[in-house]
Amino acid sequence: MIVDTEALLCYRFFPLYGRETKKVYWSPKRDRSWEFTLANPMTNREFTGDLILAEMDRAGVDKAIVQTVYPEDFRQFFEYFGASLENYVGGKEYTLSFLNNNETRNRLLWFNCINLNRKGSFEGIAQDIKDGVRGFKIFPRWHFFRIDDAKMMELYQTCSENKLPVGLGLENSWRGTYDHRSMTEQIAGVTRKYDDVNFLIDHAGLTVAGEGCVSPEDPEVQPFFDMVNKRENIYLGCYFLMPPGHEVEEYPFPTSLKWLKMVVKRVGVEKLTWASDYPFSENHAKYVQMIDWIRRHADFLSEEERAMVLGGNAKRYLRL
């Protein structure tokens, strides 16, 4: 079984074409650069449930976690690109409209995003459970709250009682929040207290800030990996790892493969799950390429290890 542990459904990211803002992107070796107008490639289509199912069929993916997000959850993303909340249409109602039979509900596993800054987000948890939510996703640094915030502790308790997993997106605000050390300490405390709740951390814990991920060789990451190795209920999602300059590195993403090999060396394969981050991955590659960079090109993994990363570990995380 192959399981995509991070995707989402949205009606549309409306066009940002024609803007005058330009950005310079450098090659991975920093030996050449490109300058172009910021136009988001995700804006030219509707990312419907039937579209992702077709992509999953083409790529041989059995199940995918689909996250519900609202415009308010993307506020900083839009501000960074000079857009506004009106540039996004999506949410719970839209996601659930595609989960209207047993087949789609068994393949598209709905997680709701909890944002303490969005009105009604936390208060709607009980209804989410009634509506068949399969887990919850939080972006604490992105949304400016602590992982061990009192409200979040209530969420983890609810997940403990209902045997629901939690997804942790640790992307840092471009305005900055708490540092990597504090983040690691918070996760250690939460996962120790709620040791019966499974937690999945995006980008293998190589937190995103601005233009890319922190390198797995960065000294500040080692305490995080040490903590992960002590906790059986922590999993790491390896949506293709994003070194600075990843916008111009093409499939099969050689630097990302190098980084993945480093992560495997530090935490093993038992912790890792595959994710597409669809439709954001449309900025970089087609859906099938987002799995094939591991399935076809991670030659440092055995066939058994690839099977674990692509689905076996996700089954344990989701208790399937």
C-alpha atoms as a PDB file:
ATOM      1  CA  MET A   1       0.000   0.000   0.000  1.00  0.00           C
ATOM      2  CA  ILE A   2       1.236   3.488  -0.898  1.00  0.00           C
ATOM      3  CA  VAL A   3       0.011   6.387   1.251  1.00  0.00           C
ATOM      4  CA  ASP A   4       0.446  10.107   0.581  1.00  0.00           C
ATOM      5  CA  THR A   5       0.608  11.770   3.999  1.00  0.00           C
ATOM      6  CA  GLU A   6       0.094  15.381   2.908  1.00  0.00           C
ATOM      7  CA  ALA A   7      -2.168  16.866   0.239  1.00  0.00           C
ATOM      8  CA  LEU A   8      -5.153  19.206   0.148  1.00  0.00           C
ATOM      9  CA  LEU A   9      -8.218  20.055  -1.883  1.00  0.00           C
ATOM     10  CA  CYS A  10      -9.036  23.617  -2.815  1.00  0.00           C
ATOM     11  CA  TYR A  11     -11.302  25.289  -5.309  1.00  0.00           C
ATOM     12  CA  ARG A  12      -8.632  27.631  -6.594  1.00  0.00           C
ATOM     13  CA  PHE A  13      -5.642  29.801  -5.907  1.00  0.00           C
ATOM     14  CA  PHE A  14      -6.772  32.692  -8.062  1.00  0.00           C
ATOM     15  CA  PRO A  15      -4.251  34.124 -10.561  1.00  0.00           C
ATOM     16  CA  LEU A  16      -1.405  36.325  -9.410  1.00  0.00           C
ATOM     17  CA  TYR A  17      -0.264  36.983 -12.972  1.00  0.00           C
ATOM     18  CA  GLY A  18       0.806  40.377 -14.211  1.00  0.00           C
ATOM     19  CA  ARG A  19       2.407  41.531 -10.988  1.00  0.00           C
ATOM     20  CA  GLU A  20       5.471  43.740 -11.259  1.00  0.00           C
ATOM     21  CA  THR A  21       7.321  42.187  -8.323  1.00  0.00           C
ATOM     22  CA  LYS A  22      10.311  40.189  -9.508  1.00  0.00           C
ATOM     23  CA  LYS A  23      12.389  37.661  -7.646  1.00  0.00           C
ATOM     24  CA  VAL A  24      15.843  36.226  -8.209  1.00  0.00           C
ATOM     25  CA  TYR A  25      16.320  32.468  -7.892  1.00  0.00           C
ATOM     26  CA  TRP A  26      19.761  30.910  -7.700  1.00  0.00           C
ATOM     27  CA  SER A  27      20.948  27.508  -8.861  1.00  0.00           C
ATOM     28  CA  PRO A  28      21.773  24.977  -6.100  1.00  0.00           C
ATOM     29  CA  LYS A  29      25.495  25.719  -6.597  1.00  0.00           C
ATOM     30  CA  ARG A  30      24.830  29.456  -6.550  1.00  0.00           C
ATOM     31  CA  ASP A  31      26.665  29.771  -9.864  1.00  0.00           C
ATOM     32  CA  ARG A  32      23.799  31.213 -11.901  1.00  0.00           C
ATOM     33  CA  SER A  33      20.479  32.919 -11.323  1.00  0.00           C
ATOM     34  CA  TRP A  34      17.150  33.666 -12.974  1.00  0.00           C
ATOM     35  CA  GLU A  35      14.885  36.665 -12.521  1.00  0.00           C
ATOM     36  CA  PHE A  36      11.204  36.495 -13.288  1.00  0.00           C
ATOM     37  CA  THR A  37       7.827  37.886 -12.299  1.00  0.00           C
ATOM     38  CA  LEU A  38       6.139  36.076  -9.437  1.00  0.00           C
ATOM     39  CA  ALA A  39       3.330  34.158 -11.104  1.00  0.00           C
ATOM     40  CA  ASN A  40       2.041  31.141  -9.216  1.00  0.00           C
ATOM     41  CA  PRO A  41       1.777  28.016 -11.440  1.00  0.00           C
ATOM     42  CA  MET A  42      -0.883  26.621  -9.107  1.00  0.00           C
ATOM     43  CA  THR A  43      -3.437  29.199 -10.178  1.00  0.00           C
ATOM     44  CA  ASN A  44      -4.524  27.810 -13.537  1.00  0.00           C
ATOM     45  CA  ARG A  45      -6.737  24.947 -12.377  1.00  0.00           C
ATOM     46  CA  GLU A  46      -9.204  23.763  -9.765  1.00  0.00           C
ATOM     47  CA  PHE A  47      -7.715  21.076  -7.494  1.00  0.00           C
ATOM     48  CA  THR A  48     -10.752  18.863  -7.155  1.00  0.00           C
ATOM     49  CA  GLY A  49     -11.171  15.517  -5.444  1.00  0.00           C
ATOM     50  CA  ASP A  50     -11.580  13.692  -8.739  1.00  0.00           C
ATOM     51  CA  LEU A  51      -8.382  15.293 -10.061  1.00  0.00           C
ATOM     52  CA  ILE A  52      -6.223  14.119  -7.181  1.00  0.00           C
ATOM     53  CA  LEU A  53      -7.795  10.650  -7.385  1.00  0.00           C
ATOM     54  CA  ALA A  54      -6.838  10.520 -11.059  1.00  0.00           C
ATOM     55  CA  GLU A  55      -3.280  11.582 -10.186  1.00  0.00           C
ATOM     56  CA  MET A  56      -3.172   8.941  -7.442  1.00  0.00           C
ATOM     57  CA  ASP A  57      -4.363   6.266  -9.872  1.00  0.00           C
ATOM     58  CA  ARG A  58      -1.724   7.260 -12.420  1.00  0.00           C
ATOM     59  CA  ALA A  59       1.013   7.200  -9.777  1.00  0.00           C
ATOM     60  CA  GLY A  60      -0.174   4.008  -8.058  1.00  0.00           C
ATOM     61  CA  VAL A  61      -1.081   5.705  -4.755  1.00  0.00           C
ATOM     62  CA  ASP A  62      -3.754   3.991  -2.668  1.00  0.00           C
ATOM     63  CA  LYS A  63      -4.624   6.614  -0.038  1.00  0.00           C
ATOM     64  CA  ALA A  64      -3.904  10.274   0.679  1.00  0.00           C
ATOM     65  CA  ILE A  65      -4.360  12.525   3.677  1.00  0.00           C
ATOM     66  CA  VAL A  66      -6.193  15.646   2.467  1.00  0.00           C
ATOM     67  CA  GLN A  67      -6.016  18.702   4.704  1.00  0.00           C
ATOM     68  CA  THR A  68      -8.720  21.318   5.001  1.00  0.00           C
ATOM     69  CA  VAL A  69      -7.422  24.864   5.097  1.00  0.00           C
ATOM     70  CA  TYR A  70      -9.178  28.217   4.879  1.00  0.00           C
ATOM     71  CA  PRO A  71      -7.971  31.555   3.480  1.00  0.00           C
ATOM     72  CA  GLU A  72      -7.081  32.778   6.977  1.00  0.00           C
ATOM     73  CA  ASP A  73      -4.730  29.814   7.371  1.00  0.00           C
ATOM     74  CA  PHE A  74      -2.718  31.075   4.385  1.00  0.00           C
ATOM     75  CA  ARG A  75      -2.652  34.760   5.345  1.00  0.00           C
ATOM     76  CA  GLN A  76       1.142  34.993   5.677  1.00  0.00           C
ATOM     77  CA  PHE A  77       1.663  33.051   2.445  1.00  0.00           C
ATOM     78  CA  PHE A  78      -0.505  35.517   0.534  1.00  0.00           C
ATOM     79  CA  GLU A  79       1.064  38.552   2.172  1.00  0.00           C
ATOM     80  CA  TYR A  80       4.514  37.278   1.187  1.00  0.00           C
ATOM     81  CA  PHE A  81       3.464  37.062  -2.460  1.00  0.00           C
ATOM     82  CA  GLY A  82       1.581  40.358  -2.413  1.00  0.00           C
ATOM     83  CA  ALA A  83      -1.855  38.748  -2.614  1.00  0.00           C
ATOM     84  CA  SER A  84      -4.830  38.716  -0.244  1.00  0.00           C
ATOM     85  CA  LEU A  85      -7.268  36.304   1.384  1.00  0.00           C
ATOM     86  CA  GLU A  86      -9.576  36.654  -1.615  1.00  0.00           C
ATOM     87  CA  ASN A  87      -7.003  34.786  -3.730  1.00  0.00           C
ATOM     88  CA  TYR A  88      -7.971  31.450  -2.174  1.00  0.00           C
ATOM     89  CA  VAL A  89     -11.234  29.535  -2.077  1.00  0.00           C
ATOM     90  CA  GLY A  90     -11.523  26.301  -0.106  1.00  0.00           C
ATOM     91  CA  GLY A  91     -12.425  24.842   3.265  1.00  0.00           C
ATOM     92  CA  LYS A  92     -14.180  22.035   5.080  1.00  0.00           C
ATOM     93  CA  GLU A  93     -17.403  22.145   3.093  1.00  0.00           C
ATOM     94  CA  TYR A  94     -15.525  21.955  -0.188  1.00  0.00           C
ATOM     95  CA  THR A  95     -13.340  19.062   0.996  1.00  0.00           C
ATOM     96  CA  LEU A  96     -16.270  17.065   2.344  1.00  0.00           C
ATOM     97  CA  SER A  97     -18.201  17.533  -0.891  1.00  0.00           C
ATOM     98  CA  PHE A  98     -15.798  15.035  -2.484  1.00  0.00           C
ATOM     99  CA  LEU A  99     -16.009  12.548   0.393  1.00  0.00           C
ATOM    100  CA  ASN A 100     -19.586  11.552  -0.323  1.00  0.00           C
ATOM    101  CA  ASN A 101     -19.218   7.770  -0.574  1.00  0.00           C
ATOM    102  CA  ASN A 102     -17.286   4.983   1.112  1.00  0.00           C
ATOM    103  CA  GLU A 103     -14.802   4.646  -1.746  1.00  0.00           C
ATOM    104  CA  THR A 104     -13.599   8.246  -1.639  1.00  0.00           C
ATOM    105  CA  ARG A 105     -13.628   8.364   2.182  1.00  0.00           C
ATOM    106  CA  ASN A 106     -11.450   5.256   2.247  1.00  0.00           C
ATOM    107  CA  ARG A 107      -8.948   6.812  -0.156  1.00  0.00           C
ATOM    108  CA  LEU A 108      -9.012  10.506   0.786  1.00  0.00           C
ATOM    109  CA  LEU A 109      -8.443  10.700   4.533  1.00  0.00           C
ATOM    110  CA  TRP A 110      -9.667  14.039   5.833  1.00  0.00           C
ATOM    111  CA  PHE A 111      -7.591  16.038   8.336  1.00  0.00           C
ATOM    112  CA  ASN A 112      -8.842  19.438   9.522  1.00  0.00           C
ATOM    113  CA  CYS A 113      -6.451  22.298  10.170  1.00  0.00           C
ATOM    114  CA  ILE A 114      -6.733  23.870  13.636  1.00  0.00           C
ATOM    115  CA  ASN A 115      -5.734  27.531  13.663  1.00  0.00           C
ATOM    116  CA  LEU A 116      -6.253  29.294  16.989  1.00  0.00           C
ATOM    117  CA  ASN A 117      -6.372  32.612  15.118  1.00  0.00           C
ATOM    118  CA  ARG A 118      -9.286  31.522  12.938  1.00  0.00           C
ATOM    119  CA  LYS A 119     -12.693  32.030  14.530  1.00  0.00           C
ATOM    120  CA  GLY A 120     -14.505  28.761  15.200  1.00  0.00           C
ATOM    121  CA  SER A 121     -11.550  26.559  14.291  1.00  0.00           C
ATOM    122  CA  PHE A 122     -10.980  25.113  17.765  1.00  0.00           C
ATOM    123  CA  GLU A 123     -14.657  25.239  18.725  1.00  0.00           C
ATOM    124  CA  GLY A 124     -15.556  23.028  15.753  1.00  0.00           C
ATOM    125  CA  ILE A 125     -13.496  19.989  16.795  1.00  0.00           C
ATOM    126  CA  ALA A 126     -16.450  18.037  18.202  1.00  0.00           C
ATOM    127  CA  GLN A 127     -18.373  18.529  14.948  1.00  0.00           C
ATOM    128  CA  ASP A 128     -15.308  17.531  12.938  1.00  0.00           C
ATOM    129  CA  ILE A 129     -15.251  14.204  14.766  1.00  0.00           C
ATOM    130  CA  LYS A 130     -18.944  13.680  14.046  1.00  0.00           C
ATOM    131  CA  ASP A 131     -18.236  14.459  10.398  1.00  0.00           C
ATOM    132  CA  GLY A 132     -15.638  11.704  10.206  1.00  0.00           C
ATOM    133  CA  VAL A 133     -12.316  13.553  10.554  1.00  0.00           C
ATOM    134  CA  ARG A 134      -9.328  11.171  10.461  1.00  0.00           C
ATOM    135  CA  GLY A 135      -6.901  13.498  12.251  1.00  0.00           C
ATOM    136  CA  PHE A 136      -5.921  17.126  12.809  1.00  0.00           C
ATOM    137  CA  LYS A 137      -3.167  19.336  11.397  1.00  0.00           C
ATOM    138  CA  ILE A 138      -1.606  22.349  13.079  1.00  0.00           C
ATOM    139  CA  PHE A 139       0.921  24.979  11.943  1.00  0.00           C
ATOM    140  CA  PRO A 140       1.901  26.492  15.315  1.00  0.00           C
ATOM    141  CA  ARG A 141       4.877  28.623  14.259  1.00  0.00           C
ATOM    142  CA  TRP A 142       3.129  29.766  11.085  1.00  0.00           C
ATOM    143  CA  HIS A 143       0.077  30.795  13.093  1.00  0.00           C
ATOM    144  CA  PHE A 144       1.987  32.199  16.090  1.00  0.00           C
ATOM    145  CA  PHE A 145       1.092  29.847  18.906  1.00  0.00           C
ATOM    146  CA  ARG A 146       3.104  27.381  20.939  1.00  0.00           C
ATOM    147  CA  ILE A 147       2.934  23.638  20.321  1.00  0.00           C
ATOM    148  CA  ASP A 148       2.216  23.174  24.040  1.00  0.00           C
ATOM    149  CA  ASP A 149      -0.373  25.963  24.200  1.00  0.00           C
ATOM    150  CA  ALA A 150      -3.163  25.120  26.651  1.00  0.00           C
ATOM    151  CA  LYS A 151      -5.721  24.907  23.842  1.00  0.00           C
ATOM    152  CA  MET A 152      -3.451  22.571  21.917  1.00  0.00           C
ATOM    153  CA  MET A 153      -3.142  20.334  24.973  1.00  0.00           C
ATOM    154  CA  GLU A 154      -6.949  20.058  24.910  1.00  0.00           C
ATOM    155  CA  LEU A 155      -6.725  19.001  21.257  1.00  0.00           C
ATOM    156  CA  TYR A 156      -4.149  16.303  22.017  1.00  0.00           C
ATOM    157  CA  GLN A 157      -6.321  15.008  24.848  1.00  0.00           C
ATOM    158  CA  THR A 158      -9.264  14.767  22.454  1.00  0.00           C
ATOM    159  CA  CYS A 159      -7.063  12.930  19.945  1.00  0.00           C
ATOM    160  CA  SER A 160      -5.951  10.557  22.694  1.00  0.00           C
ATOM    161  CA  GLU A 161      -9.542   9.770  23.611  1.00  0.00           C
ATOM    162  CA  ASN A 162     -10.564   9.249  19.975  1.00  0.00           C
ATOM    163  CA  LYS A 163      -7.364   7.540  18.733  1.00  0.00           C
ATOM    164  CA  LEU A 164      -6.738  10.292  16.175  1.00  0.00           C
ATOM    165  CA  PRO A 165      -3.285  11.298  14.861  1.00  0.00           C
ATOM    166  CA  VAL A 166      -1.870  14.820  14.680  1.00  0.00           C
ATOM    167  CA  GLY A 167       0.094  16.439  11.867  1.00  0.00           C
ATOM    168  CA  LEU A 168       2.656  19.118  12.747  1.00  0.00           C
ATOM    169  CA  GLY A 169       3.676  21.663  10.138  1.00  0.00           C
ATOM    170  CA  LEU A 170       6.679  23.468  11.609  1.00  0.00           C
ATOM    171  CA  GLU A 171       7.202  26.067   8.890  1.00  0.00           C
ATOM    172  CA  ASN A 172       8.434  29.192  10.641  1.00  0.00           C
ATOM    173  CA  SER A 173       6.878  32.583  10.141  1.00  0.00           C
ATOM    174  CA  TRP A 174       8.921  34.868   7.931  1.00  0.00           C
ATOM    175  CA  ARG A 175       8.550  37.345  10.767  1.00  0.00           C
ATOM    176  CA  GLY A 176      10.045  34.750  13.118  1.00  0.00           C
ATOM    177  CA  THR A 177       8.701  32.958  16.196  1.00  0.00           C
ATOM    178  CA  TYR A 178      10.457  30.687  18.691  1.00  0.00           C
ATOM    179  CA  ASP A 179      13.709  29.028  17.728  1.00  0.00           C
ATOM    180  CA  HIS A 180      14.474  25.422  16.789  1.00  0.00           C
ATOM    181  CA  ARG A 181      15.620  24.527  20.312  1.00  0.00           C
ATOM    182  CA  SER A 182      12.388  25.753  21.893  1.00  0.00           C
ATOM    183  CA  MET A 183      10.371  23.968  19.212  1.00  0.00           C
ATOM    184  CA  THR A 184      12.195  20.709  19.961  1.00  0.00           C
ATOM    185  CA  GLU A 185      11.622  21.058  23.713  1.00  0.00           C
ATOM    186  CA  GLN A 186       7.909  21.715  23.196  1.00  0.00           C
ATOM    187  CA  ILE A 187       7.501  18.665  20.939  1.00  0.00           C
ATOM    188  CA  ALA A 188       9.407  16.488  23.408  1.00  0.00           C
ATOM    189  CA  GLY A 189       7.090  17.483  26.252  1.00  0.00           C
ATOM    190  CA  VAL A 190       3.885  17.066  24.257  1.00  0.00           C
ATOM    191  CA  THR A 191       4.784  13.702  22.711  1.00  0.00           C
ATOM    192  CA  ARG A 192       5.932  12.371  26.081  1.00  0.00           C
ATOM    193  CA  LYS A 193       2.704  13.411  27.821  1.00  0.00           C
ATOM    194  CA  TYR A 194       0.515  12.070  25.002  1.00  0.00           C
ATOM    195  CA  ASP A 195       2.499   8.965  24.152  1.00  0.00           C
ATOM    196  CA  ASP A 196      -0.615   7.237  22.799  1.00  0.00           C
ATOM    197  CA  VAL A 197      -1.085   9.904  20.084  1.00  0.00           C
ATOM    198  CA  ASN A 198       0.870   9.589  16.844  1.00  0.00           C
ATOM    199  CA  PHE A 199       2.486  12.790  15.553  1.00  0.00           C
ATOM    200  CA  LEU A 200       3.722  13.345  11.991  1.00  0.00           C
ATOM    201  CA  ILE A 201       6.126  16.241  11.395  1.00  0.00           C
ATOM    202  CA  ASP A 202       6.427  17.786   7.926  1.00  0.00           C
ATOM    203  CA  HIS A 203       9.665  18.119   5.941  1.00  0.00           C
ATOM    204  CA  ALA A 204      11.421  15.607   8.207  1.00  0.00           C
ATOM    205  CA  GLY A 205      11.603  18.333  10.852  1.00  0.00           C
ATOM    206  CA  LEU A 206      13.926  20.415   8.658  1.00  0.00           C
ATOM    207  CA  THR A 207      11.832  23.460   9.357  1.00  0.00           C
ATOM    208  CA  VAL A 208      11.063  25.813   6.526  1.00  0.00           C
ATOM    209  CA  ALA A 209      11.854  29.505   6.892  1.00  0.00           C
ATOM    210  CA  GLY A 210      11.729  31.755   3.843  1.00  0.00           C
ATOM    211  CA  GLU A 211      13.403  30.167   0.838  1.00  0.00           C
ATOM    212  CA  GLY A 212      14.013  26.593   1.977  1.00  0.00           C
ATOM    213  CA  CYS A 213      14.567  23.992   4.676  1.00  0.00           C
ATOM    214  CA  VAL A 214      17.288  23.858   7.287  1.00  0.00           C
ATOM    215  CA  SER A 215      20.006  21.416   6.226  1.00  0.00           C
ATOM    216  CA  PRO A 216      20.134  18.057   8.067  1.00  0.00           C
ATOM    217  CA  GLU A 217      23.816  18.883   8.648  1.00  0.00           C
ATOM    218  CA  ASP A 218      22.961  22.061  10.537  1.00  0.00           C
ATOM    219  CA  PRO A 219      24.030  21.672  14.212  1.00  0.00           C
ATOM    220  CA  GLU A 220      20.674  23.003  15.449  1.00  0.00           C
ATOM    221  CA  VAL A 221      18.862  20.012  13.927  1.00  0.00           C
ATOM    222  CA  GLN A 222      20.784  17.316  15.779  1.00  0.00           C
ATOM    223  CA  PRO A 223      18.964  17.782  19.141  1.00  0.00           C
ATOM    224  CA  PHE A 224      15.705  17.457  17.204  1.00  0.00           C
ATOM    225  CA  PHE A 225      16.797  14.145  15.644  1.00  0.00           C
ATOM    226  CA  ASP A 226      17.983  12.924  19.055  1.00  0.00           C
ATOM    227  CA  MET A 227      14.558  13.708  20.486  1.00  0.00           C
ATOM    228  CA  VAL A 228      12.762  11.966  17.600  1.00  0.00           C
ATOM    229  CA  ASN A 229      14.808   8.815  18.157  1.00  0.00           C
ATOM    230  CA  LYS A 230      13.567   8.636  21.759  1.00  0.00           C
ATOM    231  CA  ARG A 231       9.876   8.868  20.883  1.00  0.00           C
ATOM    232  CA  GLU A 232       8.065   5.946  19.239  1.00  0.00           C
ATOM    233  CA  ASN A 233       5.029   8.093  18.448  1.00  0.00           C
ATOM    234  CA  ILE A 234       6.845  10.598  16.191  1.00  0.00           C
ATOM    235  CA  TYR A 235       6.947  10.150  12.422  1.00  0.00           C
ATOM    236  CA  LEU A 236       8.591  12.401   9.840  1.00  0.00           C
ATOM    237  CA  GLY A 237       7.032  13.283   6.498  1.00  0.00           C
ATOM    238  CA  CYS A 238       9.499  13.529   3.625  1.00  0.00           C
ATOM    239  CA  TYR A 239       7.783  15.702   1.055  1.00  0.00           C
ATOM    240  CA  PHE A 240      10.756  16.402  -1.158  1.00  0.00           C
ATOM    241  CA  LEU A 241      13.200  18.238   1.062  1.00  0.00           C
ATOM    242  CA  MET A 242      13.697  21.825  -0.005  1.00  0.00           C
ATOM    243  CA  PRO A 243      17.235  23.200   0.010  1.00  0.00           C
ATOM    244  CA  PRO A 244      17.579  26.931  -0.709  1.00  0.00           C
ATOM    245  CA  GLY A 245      17.353  27.242  -4.489  1.00  0.00           C
ATOM    246  CA  HIS A 246      15.026  24.232  -4.784  1.00  0.00           C
ATOM    247  CA  GLU A 247      12.837  26.220  -7.189  1.00  0.00           C
ATOM    248  CA  VAL A 248      15.373  25.634  -9.953  1.00  0.00           C
ATOM    249  CA  GLU A 249      16.457  22.081  -9.116  1.00  0.00           C
ATOM    250  CA  GLU A 250      14.663  19.670 -11.405  1.00  0.00           C
ATOM    251  CA  TYR A 251      13.395  16.136 -10.918  1.00  0.00           C
ATOM    252  CA  PRO A 252      14.745  13.840  -9.501  1.00  0.00           C
ATOM    253  CA  PHE A 253      15.964  16.539  -7.065  1.00  0.00           C
ATOM    254  CA  PRO A 254      19.539  15.362  -6.389  1.00  0.00           C
ATOM    255  CA  THR A 255      20.092  17.616  -3.367  1.00  0.00           C
ATOM    256  CA  SER A 256      16.844  16.433  -1.821  1.00  0.00           C
ATOM    257  CA  LEU A 257      17.951  12.823  -2.328  1.00  0.00           C
ATOM    258  CA  LYS A 258      21.258  13.647  -0.640  1.00  0.00           C
ATOM    259  CA  TRP A 259      19.404  15.215   2.281  1.00  0.00           C
ATOM    260  CA  LEU A 260      17.009  12.270   2.526  1.00  0.00           C
ATOM    261  CA  LYS A 261      19.967   9.912   2.796  1.00  0.00           C
ATOM    262  CA  MET A 262      21.315  12.046   5.667  1.00  0.00           C
ATOM    263  CA  VAL A 263      17.947  11.919   7.455  1.00  0.00           C
ATOM    264  CA  VAL A 264      17.798   8.129   7.066  1.00  0.00           C
ATOM    265  CA  LYS A 265      21.267   7.904   8.607  1.00  0.00           C
ATOM    266  CA  ARG A 266      20.118   9.935  11.623  1.00  0.00           C
ATOM    267  CA  VAL A 267      16.662   8.455  12.322  1.00  0.00           C
ATOM    268  CA  GLY A 268      16.383   5.291  10.190  1.00  0.00           C
ATOM    269  CA  VAL A 269      13.568   4.462   7.793  1.00  0.00           C
ATOM    270  CA  GLU A 270      11.014   3.385  10.417  1.00  0.00           C
ATOM    271  CA  LYS A 271      10.146   7.038  11.124  1.00  0.00           C
ATOM    272  CA  LEU A 272       9.726   8.263   7.546  1.00  0.00           C
ATOM    273  CA  THR A 273       6.583   8.649   5.451  1.00  0.00           C
ATOM    274  CA  TRP A 274       6.162   9.935   1.912  1.00  0.00           C
ATOM    275  CA  ALA A 275       4.127  13.033   1.087  1.00  0.00           C
ATOM    276  CA  SER A 276       3.390  14.914  -2.135  1.00  0.00           C
ATOM    277  CA  ASP A 277       2.246  18.259  -0.662  1.00  0.00           C
ATOM    278  CA  TYR A 278      -0.128  18.398  -3.651  1.00  0.00           C
ATOM    279  CA  PRO A 279      -1.044  20.868  -5.149  1.00  0.00           C
ATOM    280  CA  PHE A 280       1.938  22.915  -3.891  1.00  0.00           C
ATOM    281  CA  SER A 281       4.202  20.347  -5.532  1.00  0.00           C
ATOM    282  CA  GLU A 282       2.767  21.420  -8.900  1.00  0.00           C
ATOM    283  CA  ASN A 283       5.236  24.299  -8.641  1.00  0.00           C
ATOM    284  CA  HIS A 284       8.093  21.823  -8.993  1.00  0.00           C
ATOM    285  CA  ALA A 285       7.003  18.577 -10.623  1.00  0.00           C
ATOM    286  CA  LYS A 286       4.103  16.359 -11.604  1.00  0.00           C
ATOM    287  CA  TYR A 287       2.423  14.236  -8.966  1.00  0.00           C
ATOM    288  CA  VAL A 288       3.955  10.981 -10.217  1.00  0.00           C
ATOM    289  CA  GLN A 289       7.434  12.557 -10.058  1.00  0.00           C
ATOM    290  CA  MET A 290       6.876  13.494  -6.438  1.00  0.00           C
ATOM    291  CA  ILE A 291       6.729   9.799  -5.579  1.00  0.00           C
ATOM    292  CA  ASP A 292       9.225   8.563  -8.171  1.00  0.00           C
ATOM    293  CA  TRP A 293      12.082  10.610  -6.695  1.00  0.00           C
ATOM    294  CA  ILE A 294      11.942   7.985  -3.922  1.00  0.00           C
ATOM    295  CA  ARG A 295      10.441   5.007  -5.739  1.00  0.00           C
ATOM    296  CA  ARG A 296      12.861   5.123  -8.679  1.00  0.00           C
ATOM    297  CA  HIS A 297      15.824   7.217  -7.541  1.00  0.00           C
ATOM    298  CA  ALA A 298      16.463   6.630  -3.811  1.00  0.00           C
ATOM    299  CA  ASP A 299      18.874   3.803  -4.593  1.00  0.00           C
ATOM    300  CA  PHE A 300      20.330   3.916  -1.083  1.00  0.00           C
ATOM    301  CA  LEU A 301      17.060   2.346   0.145  1.00  0.00           C
ATOM    302  CA  SER A 302      16.315  -1.340  -0.239  1.00  0.00           C
ATOM    303  CA  GLU A 303      13.020  -2.443  -1.775  1.00  0.00           C
ATOM    304  CA  GLU A 304      11.722  -3.233   1.699  1.00  0.00           C
ATOM    305  CA  GLU A 305      12.801   0.167   3.024  1.00  0.00           C
ATOM    306  CA  ARG A 306      11.140   2.001   0.131  1.00  0.00           C
ATOM    307  CA  ALA A 307       7.912   0.117   0.876  1.00  0.00           C
ATOM    308  CA  MET A 308       8.118   1.284   4.488  1.00  0.00           C
ATOM    309  CA  VAL A 309       8.650   4.928   3.517  1.00  0.00           C
ATOM    310  CA  LEU A 310       5.979   4.907   0.813  1.00  0.00           C
ATOM    311  CA  GLY A 311       3.225   3.336   2.887  1.00  0.00           C
ATOM    312  CA  GLY A 312       4.163   0.888   5.617  1.00  0.00           C
ATOM    313  CA  ASN A 313       5.062   3.523   8.180  1.00  0.00           C
ATOM    314  CA  ALA A 314       2.024   5.643   7.271  1.00  0.00           C
ATOM    315  CA  LYS A 315      -0.223   2.660   8.001  1.00  0.00           C
ATOM    316  CA  ARG A 316       1.215   2.536  11.530  1.00  0.00           C
ATOM    317  CA  TYR A 317       0.868   6.297  11.938  1.00  0.00           C
ATOM    318  CA  LEU A 318      -2.782   6.176  10.845  1.00  0.00           C
ATOM    319  CA  ARG A 319      -3.476   2.867  12.624  1.00  0.00           C
ATOM    320  CA  LEU A 320      -4.871   1.381   9.387  1.00  0.00           C
END
